[in-house]
C-alpha atoms as a PDB file:
ATOM      1  CA  MET A   1       3.660 -71.496-132.463  1.00  0.00           C
ATOM      2  CA  SER A   2       2.941 -67.986-133.768  1.00  0.00           C
ATOM      3  CA  LEU A   3       4.767 -65.947-136.401  1.00  0.00           C
ATOM      4  CA  ILE A   4       4.236 -62.844-134.265  1.00  0.00           C
ATOM      5  CA  SER A   5       5.537 -62.566-130.723  1.00  0.00           C
ATOM      6  CA  HIS A   6       3.224 -61.758-127.833  1.00  0.00           C
ATOM      7  CA  VAL A   7       4.949 -58.406-127.415  1.00  0.00           C
ATOM      8  CA  GLU A   8       4.273 -57.435-131.022  1.00  0.00           C
ATOM      9  CA  GLU A   9       0.650 -58.601-130.748  1.00  0.00           C
ATOM     10  CA  ARG A  10      -0.002 -55.930-128.099  1.00  0.00           C
ATOM     11  CA  ARG A  11       0.795 -53.121-130.551  1.00  0.00           C
ATOM     12  CA  PRO A  12      -2.398 -51.588-132.042  1.00  0.00           C
ATOM     13  CA  ALA A  13      -0.936 -51.383-135.552  1.00  0.00           C
ATOM     14  CA  VAL A  14       0.038 -55.069-135.514  1.00  0.00           C
ATOM     15  CA  ARG A  15      -3.372 -56.118-134.167  1.00  0.00           C
ATOM     16  CA  ALA A  16      -5.103 -54.092-136.869  1.00  0.00           C
ATOM     17  CA  ALA A  17      -2.936 -55.649-139.594  1.00  0.00           C
ATOM     18  CA  VAL A  18      -3.599 -59.164-138.287  1.00  0.00           C
ATOM     19  CA  ARG A  19      -7.346 -58.550-138.106  1.00  0.00           C
ATOM     20  CA  THR A  20      -7.335 -57.148-141.640  1.00  0.00           C
ATOM     21  CA  ILE A  21      -5.511 -60.201-142.985  1.00  0.00           C
ATOM     22  CA  GLN A  22      -7.882 -62.521-141.135  1.00  0.00           C
ATOM     23  CA  TRP A  23     -10.992 -60.807-142.509  1.00  0.00           C
ATOM     24  CA  LEU A  24      -9.575 -60.731-146.032  1.00  0.00           C
ATOM     25  CA  THR A  25      -8.732 -64.425-145.825  1.00  0.00           C
ATOM     26  CA  LEU A  26     -12.232 -65.214-144.564  1.00  0.00           C
ATOM     27  CA  ALA A  27     -13.761 -63.168-147.380  1.00  0.00           C
ATOM     28  CA  VAL A  28     -11.699 -65.000-150.017  1.00  0.00           C
ATOM     29  CA  LEU A  29     -12.627 -68.399-148.563  1.00  0.00           C
ATOM     30  CA  LEU A  30     -16.313 -67.451-148.498  1.00  0.00           C
ATOM     31  CA  LEU A  31     -16.087 -66.278-152.098  1.00  0.00           C
ATOM     32  CA  ILE A  32     -14.447 -69.536-153.162  1.00  0.00           C
ATOM     33  CA  GLY A  33     -16.901 -71.702-151.218  1.00  0.00           C
ATOM     34  CA  ILE A  34     -20.200 -69.873-151.595  1.00  0.00           C
ATOM     35  CA  GLY A  35     -19.561 -68.182-154.947  1.00  0.00           C
ATOM     36  CA  PRO A  36     -20.189 -71.254-157.146  1.00  0.00           C
ATOM     37  CA  LEU A  37     -23.321 -72.156-155.165  1.00  0.00           C
ATOM     38  CA  TYR A  38     -24.682 -68.633-155.498  1.00  0.00           C
ATOM     39  CA  MET A  39     -23.976 -68.489-159.234  1.00  0.00           C
ATOM     40  CA  THR A  40     -25.753 -71.826-159.648  1.00  0.00           C
ATOM     41  CA  VAL A  41     -28.868 -70.501-157.903  1.00  0.00           C
ATOM     42  CA  LYS A  42     -28.618 -67.259-159.864  1.00  0.00           C
ATOM     43  CA  GLY A  43     -28.370 -69.178-163.134  1.00  0.00           C
ATOM     44  CA  ALA A  44     -31.329 -71.320-162.115  1.00  0.00           C
ATOM     45  CA  VAL A  45     -33.652 -68.297-161.907  1.00  0.00           C
ATOM     46  CA  SER A  46     -32.210 -66.429-164.904  1.00  0.00           C
ATOM     47  CA  PRO A  47     -33.770 -66.416-168.373  1.00  0.00           C
ATOM     48  CA  ALA A  48     -31.824 -68.408-170.941  1.00  0.00           C
ATOM     49  CA  THR A  49     -31.070 -65.227-172.907  1.00  0.00           C
ATOM     50  CA  ASP A  50     -29.462 -63.586-169.848  1.00  0.00           C
ATOM     51  CA  LEU A  51     -27.215 -66.589-169.320  1.00  0.00           C
ATOM     52  CA  ILE A  52     -25.773 -66.035-172.780  1.00  0.00           C
ATOM     53  CA  ALA A  53     -25.802 -62.240-172.956  1.00  0.00           C
ATOM     54  CA  LYS A  54     -24.895 -61.412-169.318  1.00  0.00           C
ATOM     55  CA  PRO A  55     -23.395 -64.541-167.713  1.00  0.00           C
ATOM     56  CA  LEU A  56     -21.503 -62.640-164.952  1.00  0.00           C
ATOM     57  CA  GLU A  57     -24.410 -60.454-163.819  1.00  0.00           C
ATOM     58  CA  LEU A  58     -24.894 -60.825-160.071  1.00  0.00           C
ATOM     59  CA  TRP A  59     -28.702 -60.942-160.266  1.00  0.00           C
ATOM     60  CA  PRO A  60     -31.039 -61.437-163.202  1.00  0.00           C
ATOM     61  CA  GLY A  61     -33.228 -58.567-164.314  1.00  0.00           C
ATOM     62  CA  ASP A  62     -36.228 -60.874-164.738  1.00  0.00           C
ATOM     63  CA  PRO A  63     -36.010 -63.672-162.112  1.00  0.00           C
ATOM     64  CA  ARG A  64     -37.858 -66.861-162.982  1.00  0.00           C
ATOM     65  CA  PRO A  65     -38.214 -69.074-159.892  1.00  0.00           C
ATOM     66  CA  GLU A  66     -40.730 -71.158-161.853  1.00  0.00           C
ATOM     67  CA  ASN A  67     -37.698 -72.820-163.487  1.00  0.00           C
ATOM     68  CA  PHE A  68     -37.501 -75.046-160.414  1.00  0.00           C
ATOM     69  CA  GLY A  69     -41.074 -76.213-160.920  1.00  0.00           C
ATOM     70  CA  THR A  70     -40.410 -76.816-164.620  1.00  0.00           C
ATOM     71  CA  ALA A  71     -37.338 -78.879-163.809  1.00  0.00           C
ATOM     72  CA  TRP A  72     -39.206 -80.874-161.177  1.00  0.00           C
ATOM     73  CA  ASN A  73     -42.294 -81.607-163.252  1.00  0.00           C
ATOM     74  CA  ASP A  74     -41.238 -81.560-166.909  1.00  0.00           C
ATOM     75  CA  LEU A  75     -37.780 -83.122-166.557  1.00  0.00           C
ATOM     76  CA  GLY A  76     -38.752 -85.569-163.810  1.00  0.00           C
ATOM     77  CA  ILE A  77     -36.039 -84.405-161.414  1.00  0.00           C
ATOM     78  CA  GLY A  78     -38.056 -85.719-158.473  1.00  0.00           C
ATOM     79  CA  HIS A  79     -37.951 -89.238-159.928  1.00  0.00           C
ATOM     80  CA  TYR A  80     -34.189 -89.083-160.470  1.00  0.00           C
ATOM     81  CA  LEU A  81     -33.646 -87.713-156.970  1.00  0.00           C
ATOM     82  CA  LEU A  82     -35.625 -90.648-155.585  1.00  0.00           C
ATOM     83  CA  ASN A  83     -33.366 -93.005-157.543  1.00  0.00           C
ATOM     84  CA  THR A  84     -30.363 -91.188-156.096  1.00  0.00           C
ATOM     85  CA  VAL A  85     -31.688 -91.570-152.553  1.00  0.00           C
ATOM     86  CA  GLN A  86     -31.952 -95.328-153.110  1.00  0.00           C
ATOM     87  CA  VAL A  87     -28.422 -95.498-154.524  1.00  0.00           C
ATOM     88  CA  VAL A  88     -26.988 -93.346-151.741  1.00  0.00           C
ATOM     89  CA  GLY A  89     -28.923 -95.100-148.959  1.00  0.00           C
ATOM     90  CA  GLY A  90     -27.732 -98.574-149.934  1.00  0.00           C
ATOM     91  CA  SER A  91     -24.144 -97.425-150.515  1.00  0.00           C
ATOM     92  CA  TRP A  92     -24.117 -95.662-147.150  1.00  0.00           C
ATOM     93  CA  ALA A  93     -25.409 -98.728-145.311  1.00  0.00           C
ATOM     94  CA  VAL A  94     -22.849-101.055-146.902  1.00  0.00           C
ATOM     95  CA  GLN A  95     -19.961 -98.651-146.246  1.00  0.00           C
ATOM     96  CA  ILE A  96     -20.952 -98.145-142.609  1.00  0.00           C
ATOM     97  CA  ILE A  97     -21.231-101.898-141.974  1.00  0.00           C
ATOM     98  CA  VAL A  98     -17.897-102.701-143.646  1.00  0.00           C
ATOM     99  CA  ALA A  99     -15.972 -99.788-142.111  1.00  0.00           C
ATOM    100  CA  ILE A 100     -17.223-100.316-138.552  1.00  0.00           C
ATOM    101  CA  THR A 101     -16.849-104.109-138.487  1.00  0.00           C
ATOM    102  CA  ALA A 102     -13.445-104.053-140.208  1.00  0.00           C
ATOM    103  CA  GLY A 103     -12.119-101.198-138.068  1.00  0.00           C
ATOM    104  CA  TYR A 104     -13.437-102.833-134.894  1.00  0.00           C
ATOM    105  CA  SER A 105     -11.902-106.195-135.771  1.00  0.00           C
ATOM    106  CA  LEU A 106      -8.494-104.742-136.625  1.00  0.00           C
ATOM    107  CA  SER A 107      -8.343-102.309-133.700  1.00  0.00           C
ATOM    108  CA  VAL A 108     -10.100-104.096-130.821  1.00  0.00           C
ATOM    109  CA  LEU A 109     -10.152-107.810-131.604  1.00  0.00           C
ATOM    110  CA  LYS A 110      -6.639-107.794-133.132  1.00  0.00           C
ATOM    111  CA  PRO A 111      -6.660-111.035-135.199  1.00  0.00           C
ATOM    112  CA  ALA A 112      -3.429-112.963-135.762  1.00  0.00           C
ATOM    113  CA  LEU A 113      -2.895-111.629-139.295  1.00  0.00           C
ATOM    114  CA  GLY A 114      -4.421-108.242-138.529  1.00  0.00           C
ATOM    115  CA  LYS A 115      -1.413-106.160-139.577  1.00  0.00           C
ATOM    116  CA  LEU A 116      -1.076-108.045-142.844  1.00  0.00           C
ATOM    117  CA  ILE A 117      -4.791-107.657-143.589  1.00  0.00           C
ATOM    118  CA  TYR A 118      -4.671-103.977-142.695  1.00  0.00           C
ATOM    119  CA  GLY A 119      -1.692-103.455-144.997  1.00  0.00           C
ATOM    120  CA  ALA A 120      -3.498-105.227-147.836  1.00  0.00           C
ATOM    121  CA  ILE A 121      -6.546-103.002-147.311  1.00  0.00           C
ATOM    122  CA  LEU A 122      -4.435 -99.857-147.381  1.00  0.00           C
ATOM    123  CA  ALA A 123      -2.626-101.076-150.514  1.00  0.00           C
ATOM    124  CA  THR A 124      -5.912-100.894-152.419  1.00  0.00           C
ATOM    125  CA  MET A 125      -5.858 -97.115-151.965  1.00  0.00           C
ATOM    126  CA  PHE A 126      -2.976 -96.972-154.462  1.00  0.00           C
ATOM    127  CA  VAL A 127      -4.930 -98.771-157.190  1.00  0.00           C
ATOM    128  CA  PRO A 128      -6.720 -96.284-159.490  1.00  0.00           C
ATOM    129  CA  TYR A 129     -10.468 -96.801-159.616  1.00  0.00           C
ATOM    130  CA  THR A 130     -10.473 -96.966-163.411  1.00  0.00           C
ATOM    131  CA  VAL A 131      -8.002 -99.880-163.389  1.00  0.00           C
ATOM    132  CA  SER A 132     -10.442-102.192-161.603  1.00  0.00           C
ATOM    133  CA  MET A 133     -13.547-100.984-163.433  1.00  0.00           C
ATOM    134  CA  THR A 134     -13.327-103.511-166.275  1.00  0.00           C
ATOM    135  CA  SER A 135     -12.970-106.521-163.981  1.00  0.00           C
ATOM    136  CA  LEU A 136     -15.707-105.151-161.742  1.00  0.00           C
ATOM    137  CA  PHE A 137     -18.060-104.762-164.696  1.00  0.00           C
ATOM    138  CA  LEU A 138     -17.377-108.334-165.832  1.00  0.00           C
ATOM    139  CA  THR A 139     -18.105-109.498-162.285  1.00  0.00           C
ATOM    140  CA  ILE A 140     -21.509-107.836-162.112  1.00  0.00           C
ATOM    141  CA  ILE A 141     -22.355-109.313-165.515  1.00  0.00           C
ATOM    142  CA  ASP A 142     -21.486-112.814-164.265  1.00  0.00           C
ATOM    143  CA  LEU A 143     -23.600-112.236-161.142  1.00  0.00           C
ATOM    144  CA  GLY A 144     -26.513-110.814-163.124  1.00  0.00           C
ATOM    145  CA  LEU A 145     -26.439-107.491-161.279  1.00  0.00           C
ATOM    146  CA  VAL A 146     -26.506-105.137-164.271  1.00  0.00           C
ATOM    147  CA  ASP A 147     -29.299-102.562-163.867  1.00  0.00           C
ATOM    148  CA  SER A 148     -29.568-103.547-160.202  1.00  0.00           C
ATOM    149  CA  TYR A 149     -28.657-101.124-157.425  1.00  0.00           C
ATOM    150  CA  TRP A 150     -26.685-103.949-155.818  1.00  0.00           C
ATOM    151  CA  SER A 151     -24.097-103.383-158.561  1.00  0.00           C
ATOM    152  CA  ILE A 152     -23.463 -99.982-156.935  1.00  0.00           C
ATOM    153  CA  TRP A 153     -24.051-100.847-153.290  1.00  0.00           C
ATOM    154  CA  LEU A 154     -21.661-103.786-153.005  1.00  0.00           C
ATOM    155  CA  PRO A 155     -18.568-102.176-154.626  1.00  0.00           C
ATOM    156  CA  ALA A 156     -19.121 -99.100-152.464  1.00  0.00           C
ATOM    157  CA  GLY A 157     -18.215-101.150-149.402  1.00  0.00           C
ATOM    158  CA  ALA A 158     -14.647-101.619-150.639  1.00  0.00           C
ATOM    159  CA  SER A 159     -13.493 -98.275-149.237  1.00  0.00           C
ATOM    160  CA  ALA A 160     -10.097 -98.564-147.581  1.00  0.00           C
ATOM    161  CA  PHE A 161     -10.229 -94.929-146.474  1.00  0.00           C
ATOM    162  CA  ASN A 162     -13.357 -95.509-144.399  1.00  0.00           C
ATOM    163  CA  VAL A 163     -11.742 -98.538-142.755  1.00  0.00           C
ATOM    164  CA  LEU A 164      -8.687 -96.388-142.003  1.00  0.00           C
ATOM    165  CA  LEU A 165     -10.830 -93.699-140.360  1.00  0.00           C
ATOM    166  CA  ALA A 166     -12.753 -96.231-138.275  1.00  0.00           C
ATOM    167  CA  LYS A 167      -9.622 -98.039-137.094  1.00  0.00           C
ATOM    168  CA  ARG A 168      -7.855 -94.812-136.154  1.00  0.00           C
ATOM    169  CA  PHE A 169     -10.885 -93.751-134.126  1.00  0.00           C
ATOM    170  CA  PHE A 170     -11.151 -97.100-132.330  1.00  0.00           C
ATOM    171  CA  ASP A 171      -7.409 -97.021-131.609  1.00  0.00           C
ATOM    172  CA  ALA A 172      -8.005 -93.796-129.652  1.00  0.00           C
ATOM    173  CA  LEU A 173     -10.641 -95.355-127.370  1.00  0.00           C
ATOM    174  CA  PRO A 174      -9.394 -96.285-123.858  1.00  0.00           C
ATOM    175  CA  PRO A 175      -8.421 -99.994-123.849  1.00  0.00           C
ATOM    176  CA  GLU A 176      -9.345-100.127-120.148  1.00  0.00           C
ATOM    177  CA  LEU A 177     -13.019-100.005-121.164  1.00  0.00           C
ATOM    178  CA  PHE A 178     -12.680-103.182-123.203  1.00  0.00           C
ATOM    179  CA  ALA A 179     -10.688-104.932-120.481  1.00  0.00           C
ATOM    180  CA  ALA A 180     -13.278-104.052-117.840  1.00  0.00           C
ATOM    181  CA  ALA A 181     -16.130-105.196-120.101  1.00  0.00           C
ATOM    182  CA  ARG A 182     -14.420-108.521-120.764  1.00  0.00           C
ATOM    183  CA  VAL A 183     -13.963-109.029-117.015  1.00  0.00           C
ATOM    184  CA  ASP A 184     -17.722-108.517-116.651  1.00  0.00           C
ATOM    185  CA  GLY A 185     -18.307-111.247-119.217  1.00  0.00           C
ATOM    186  CA  ALA A 186     -19.029-109.183-122.345  1.00  0.00           C
ATOM    187  CA  ASN A 187     -18.404-110.960-125.624  1.00  0.00           C
ATOM    188  CA  SER A 188     -17.142-109.359-128.863  1.00  0.00           C
ATOM    189  CA  TRP A 189     -20.623-108.519-130.137  1.00  0.00           C
ATOM    190  CA  GLN A 190     -21.570-106.853-126.848  1.00  0.00           C
ATOM    191  CA  LEU A 191     -18.342-104.855-126.881  1.00  0.00           C
ATOM    192  CA  LEU A 192     -19.266-103.525-130.301  1.00  0.00           C
ATOM    193  CA  THR A 193     -22.923-102.766-129.679  1.00  0.00           C
ATOM    194  CA  ARG A 194     -22.824-101.576-126.046  1.00  0.00           C
ATOM    195  CA  ILE A 195     -19.465 -99.814-125.805  1.00  0.00           C
ATOM    196  CA  VAL A 196     -17.934 -99.018-129.180  1.00  0.00           C
ATOM    197  CA  LEU A 197     -20.958 -97.872-131.181  1.00  0.00           C
ATOM    198  CA  PRO A 198     -22.402 -95.525-128.505  1.00  0.00           C
ATOM    199  CA  MET A 199     -19.011 -93.768-128.386  1.00  0.00           C
ATOM    200  CA  SER A 200     -18.594 -93.655-132.160  1.00  0.00           C
ATOM    201  CA  ARG A 201     -21.117 -91.023-133.192  1.00  0.00           C
ATOM    202  CA  PRO A 202     -18.429 -88.559-134.418  1.00  0.00           C
ATOM    203  CA  ILE A 203     -16.703 -91.077-136.689  1.00  0.00           C
ATOM    204  CA  LEU A 204     -20.036 -92.478-137.848  1.00  0.00           C
ATOM    205  CA  ALA A 205     -20.962 -88.941-138.926  1.00  0.00           C
ATOM    206  CA  VAL A 206     -17.670 -88.520-140.793  1.00  0.00           C
ATOM    207  CA  ILE A 207     -17.929 -91.843-142.618  1.00  0.00           C
ATOM    208  CA  SER A 208     -21.595 -91.221-143.360  1.00  0.00           C
ATOM    209  CA  LEU A 209     -20.904 -87.813-144.870  1.00  0.00           C
ATOM    210  CA  ILE A 210     -18.023 -89.144-146.982  1.00  0.00           C
ATOM    211  CA  ALA A 211     -20.138 -92.072-148.169  1.00  0.00           C
ATOM    212  CA  ILE A 212     -23.137 -89.909-149.006  1.00  0.00           C
ATOM    213  CA  MET A 213     -21.145 -87.216-150.781  1.00  0.00           C
ATOM    214  CA  HIS A 214     -19.184 -89.721-152.858  1.00  0.00           C
ATOM    215  CA  SER A 215     -22.262 -91.724-153.806  1.00  0.00           C
ATOM    216  CA  TRP A 216     -24.297 -88.623-154.585  1.00  0.00           C
ATOM    217  CA  LYS A 217     -21.775 -87.231-157.064  1.00  0.00           C
ATOM    218  CA  ASP A 218     -20.499 -90.509-158.511  1.00  0.00           C
ATOM    219  CA  PHE A 219     -20.989 -90.555-162.265  1.00  0.00           C
ATOM    220  CA  ILE A 220     -18.785 -93.062-164.094  1.00  0.00           C
ATOM    221  CA  TRP A 221     -19.751 -96.280-162.312  1.00  0.00           C
ATOM    222  CA  PRO A 222     -23.541 -95.629-162.185  1.00  0.00           C
ATOM    223  CA  LEU A 223     -23.361 -94.773-165.898  1.00  0.00           C
ATOM    224  CA  VAL A 224     -21.724 -98.135-166.607  1.00  0.00           C
ATOM    225  CA  ALA A 225     -23.706-100.310-164.176  1.00  0.00           C
ATOM    226  CA  ILE A 226     -27.202 -98.807-164.640  1.00  0.00           C
ATOM    227  CA  THR A 227     -28.212 -98.692-168.307  1.00  0.00           C
ATOM    228  CA  ASP A 228     -31.968 -98.370-167.692  1.00  0.00           C
ATOM    229  CA  PRO A 229     -32.801 -94.616-167.856  1.00  0.00           C
ATOM    230  CA  ASP A 230     -35.652 -95.049-165.355  1.00  0.00           C
ATOM    231  CA  LYS A 231     -33.215 -96.305-162.695  1.00  0.00           C
ATOM    232  CA  GLN A 232     -30.368 -93.842-163.220  1.00  0.00           C
ATOM    233  CA  PRO A 233     -29.425 -91.390-160.437  1.00  0.00           C
ATOM    234  CA  ILE A 234     -29.456 -87.637-160.866  1.00  0.00           C
ATOM    235  CA  SER A 235     -25.723 -87.416-161.681  1.00  0.00           C
ATOM    236  CA  VAL A 236     -26.203 -89.593-164.780  1.00  0.00           C
ATOM    237  CA  ALA A 237     -29.605 -88.179-165.701  1.00  0.00           C
ATOM    238  CA  LEU A 238     -28.305 -84.591-165.831  1.00  0.00           C
ATOM    239  CA  ALA A 239     -25.779 -85.554-168.513  1.00  0.00           C
ATOM    240  CA  THR A 240     -28.613 -86.981-170.605  1.00  0.00           C
ATOM    241  CA  LEU A 241     -30.918 -84.024-170.002  1.00  0.00           C
ATOM    242  CA  ALA A 242     -28.210 -81.555-171.047  1.00  0.00           C
ATOM    243  CA  ASP A 243     -29.045 -82.197-174.711  1.00  0.00           C
ATOM    244  CA  GLN A 244     -32.796 -81.919-174.186  1.00  0.00           C
ATOM    245  CA  ALA A 245     -33.539 -79.128-171.693  1.00  0.00           C
ATOM    246  CA  PRO A 246     -33.132 -75.337-171.940  1.00  0.00           C
ATOM    247  CA  GLN A 247     -30.044 -74.054-170.180  1.00  0.00           C
ATOM    248  CA  ASP A 248     -31.899 -72.205-167.433  1.00  0.00           C
ATOM    249  CA  VAL A 249     -34.056 -75.228-166.575  1.00  0.00           C
ATOM    250  CA  LEU A 250     -30.993 -77.473-166.665  1.00  0.00           C
ATOM    251  CA  ILE A 251     -29.177 -75.227-164.166  1.00  0.00           C
ATOM    252  CA  ALA A 252     -32.293 -75.272-161.976  1.00  0.00           C
ATOM    253  CA  SER A 253     -32.069 -79.071-162.061  1.00  0.00           C
ATOM    254  CA  MET A 254     -28.424 -78.855-160.973  1.00  0.00           C
ATOM    255  CA  ALA A 255     -29.394 -76.565-158.084  1.00  0.00           C
ATOM    256  CA  LEU A 256     -32.025 -79.062-156.936  1.00  0.00           C
ATOM    257  CA  ALA A 257     -29.427 -81.833-157.122  1.00  0.00           C
ATOM    258  CA  LEU A 258     -26.981 -79.775-155.024  1.00  0.00           C
ATOM    259  CA  ALA A 259     -29.422 -78.882-152.267  1.00  0.00           C
ATOM    260  CA  PRO A 260     -29.656 -82.212-150.333  1.00  0.00           C
ATOM    261  CA  PRO A 261     -25.890 -82.808-149.768  1.00  0.00           C
ATOM    262  CA  VAL A 262     -25.273 -79.147-148.911  1.00  0.00           C
ATOM    263  CA  LEU A 263     -28.094 -79.131-146.336  1.00  0.00           C
ATOM    264  CA  LEU A 264     -26.875 -82.445-144.941  1.00  0.00           C
ATOM    265  CA  PHE A 265     -23.400 -81.061-144.388  1.00  0.00           C
ATOM    266  CA  LEU A 266     -24.731 -77.913-142.706  1.00  0.00           C
ATOM    267  CA  VAL A 267     -26.798 -80.000-140.275  1.00  0.00           C
ATOM    268  CA  PHE A 268     -24.053 -82.475-139.330  1.00  0.00           C
ATOM    269  CA  GLN A 269     -20.930 -80.330-139.650  1.00  0.00           C
ATOM    270  CA  LYS A 270     -20.199 -80.263-135.899  1.00  0.00           C
ATOM    271  CA  TYR A 271     -20.110 -84.073-135.769  1.00  0.00           C
ATOM    272  CA  VAL A 272     -17.837 -84.152-138.811  1.00  0.00           C
ATOM    273  CA  VAL A 273     -15.342 -81.746-137.253  1.00  0.00           C
ATOM    274  CA  ALA A 274     -15.369 -83.711-133.988  1.00  0.00           C
ATOM    275  CA  GLY A 275     -14.842 -87.019-135.785  1.00  0.00           C
ATOM    276  CA  LEU A 276     -11.939 -85.724-137.865  1.00  0.00           C
ATOM    277  CA  GLY A 277     -10.325 -84.441-134.683  1.00  0.00           C
ATOM    278  CA  PHE A 278     -10.613 -87.832-132.977  1.00  0.00           C
ATOM    279  CA  THR A 279      -9.018 -89.675-135.890  1.00  0.00           C
ATOM    280  CA  GLY A 280      -5.788 -87.768-135.315  1.00  0.00           C
ATOM    281  CA  VAL A 281      -5.439 -88.454-131.581  1.00  0.00           C
ATOM    282  CA  LYS A 282      -3.065 -91.365-132.080  1.00  0.00           C
ATOM    283  CA  GLY A 283      -0.641 -92.632-134.628  1.00  0.00           C
END
């Protein structure tokens, strides 16, 4: 449904006005999206004095790209990024396994208490994360997981939203495929590995991106669960380095921390858009 009729759209003045509004909207969205990233890169190559004296200048008068090398070598950003990759990789694997198996079970296998289980999973979305943090911390102490990446990986799997996305996607798959496979003698594991997973690349990309982005920027729980500075991810390390490093080098460290998730999104954006579209087919 359009706000402008097809007759009005044929008028040159109306077309020009619509195009102008579209370009202005695109420009504003680009400014909102790219502006903070650009200012971060600009701050990373600016002298510390310029950041204080001329913070809104679009480009520094004396660019210092060596700030990236200083951040990498002197602040040990490479080490913290490696820690982050370990945290993110384990969290991603656990979330993928839980979301796919839970969504497949609830959507395709349909257990007797499936609706009740699904409702209980969705109910956890209404519980604030901070409410369960104390009990979760006591649990990892009892299990001896403090300062272990398992203390981050295992709780990451309890993502009701990922289960919701996976189930909605599997609900949209043709049930005739499963019926035909069962007639041919396929068991539940074969249905998952030979039929469901090969068709699930879009939703796998969506869940993967959500898992990676959330794990990459998570701060509170890694700060609580990982007390050893040598094991902390970049999100926690930057807060510690803020009191030790010059402002320009610190911003360069932030730019290095931003680069991997931004590049990841740019590479896999088409799969993300396709997966989000599939999740809204039914229901």
